[in-house]
């Protein structure tokens, strides 16, 4: 069998990284506990202008 003289690799999808998965699980747990902040676009724009 002939091998190519270089390695082919796809870039790592950071969405599935261990660190991101941990953060997503923490966010889901907070949402289930009702720890959610809701802001309208107007609220966010007002905060940005303060």
Protein backbone atom coordinates (compact mmCIF):
# COMPACT_ATOMS: atom_id res chain seq x y z
CA UNK A 1 0.00 0.00 0.00
CA UNK A 2 1.30 3.45 -0.93
CA UNK A 3 0.95 6.29 1.57
CA UNK A 4 0.76 9.97 0.81
CA UNK A 5 3.68 11.96 2.25
CA UNK A 6 1.53 14.28 4.36
CA UNK A 7 -1.29 14.14 6.88
CA UNK A 8 -4.80 15.33 6.10
CA UNK A 9 -6.71 16.74 9.05
CA UNK A 10 -9.95 18.67 9.38
CA UNK A 11 -10.03 21.64 11.74
CA UNK A 12 -11.42 20.85 15.18
CA UNK A 13 -15.03 21.94 15.68
CA UNK A 14 -14.82 23.98 18.90
CA UNK A 15 -18.55 23.56 19.53
CA UNK A 16 -17.86 20.00 20.64
CA UNK A 17 -14.82 20.86 22.77
CA UNK A 18 -14.89 19.64 26.36
CA UNK A 19 -14.77 23.22 27.67
CA UNK A 20 -17.72 24.35 25.55
CA UNK A 21 -19.80 21.28 26.40
CA UNK A 22 -19.23 21.97 30.10
CA UNK A 23 -20.36 25.58 29.68
CA UNK A 24 -23.45 24.52 27.74
CA UNK A 25 -24.42 22.05 30.47
CA UNK A 26 -24.01 24.78 33.11
CA UNK A 27 -26.22 27.12 31.06
CA UNK A 28 -28.92 24.48 30.68
CA UNK A 29 -28.84 23.81 34.43
CA UNK A 30 -29.23 27.55 35.15
CA UNK A 31 -32.16 27.78 32.72
CA UNK A 32 -33.87 24.80 34.39
CA UNK A 33 -33.47 26.58 37.75
CA UNK A 34 -35.16 29.67 36.33
CA UNK A 35 -31.99 31.77 36.38
CA UNK A 36 -32.78 33.56 33.12
CA UNK A 37 -32.46 37.25 32.28
CA UNK A 38 -34.69 38.58 29.51
CA UNK A 39 -33.95 41.90 27.81
CA UNK A 40 -35.59 43.52 24.81
CA UNK A 41 -33.52 45.09 22.06
CA UNK A 42 -34.57 48.49 23.39
CA UNK A 43 -33.32 47.53 26.88
CA UNK A 44 -29.97 46.45 25.48
CA UNK A 45 -29.61 49.60 23.39
CA UNK A 46 -30.41 51.76 26.43
CA UNK A 47 -27.77 49.89 28.45
CA UNK A 48 -25.22 50.42 25.67
CA UNK A 49 -25.96 54.15 25.60
CA UNK A 50 -25.60 54.67 29.36
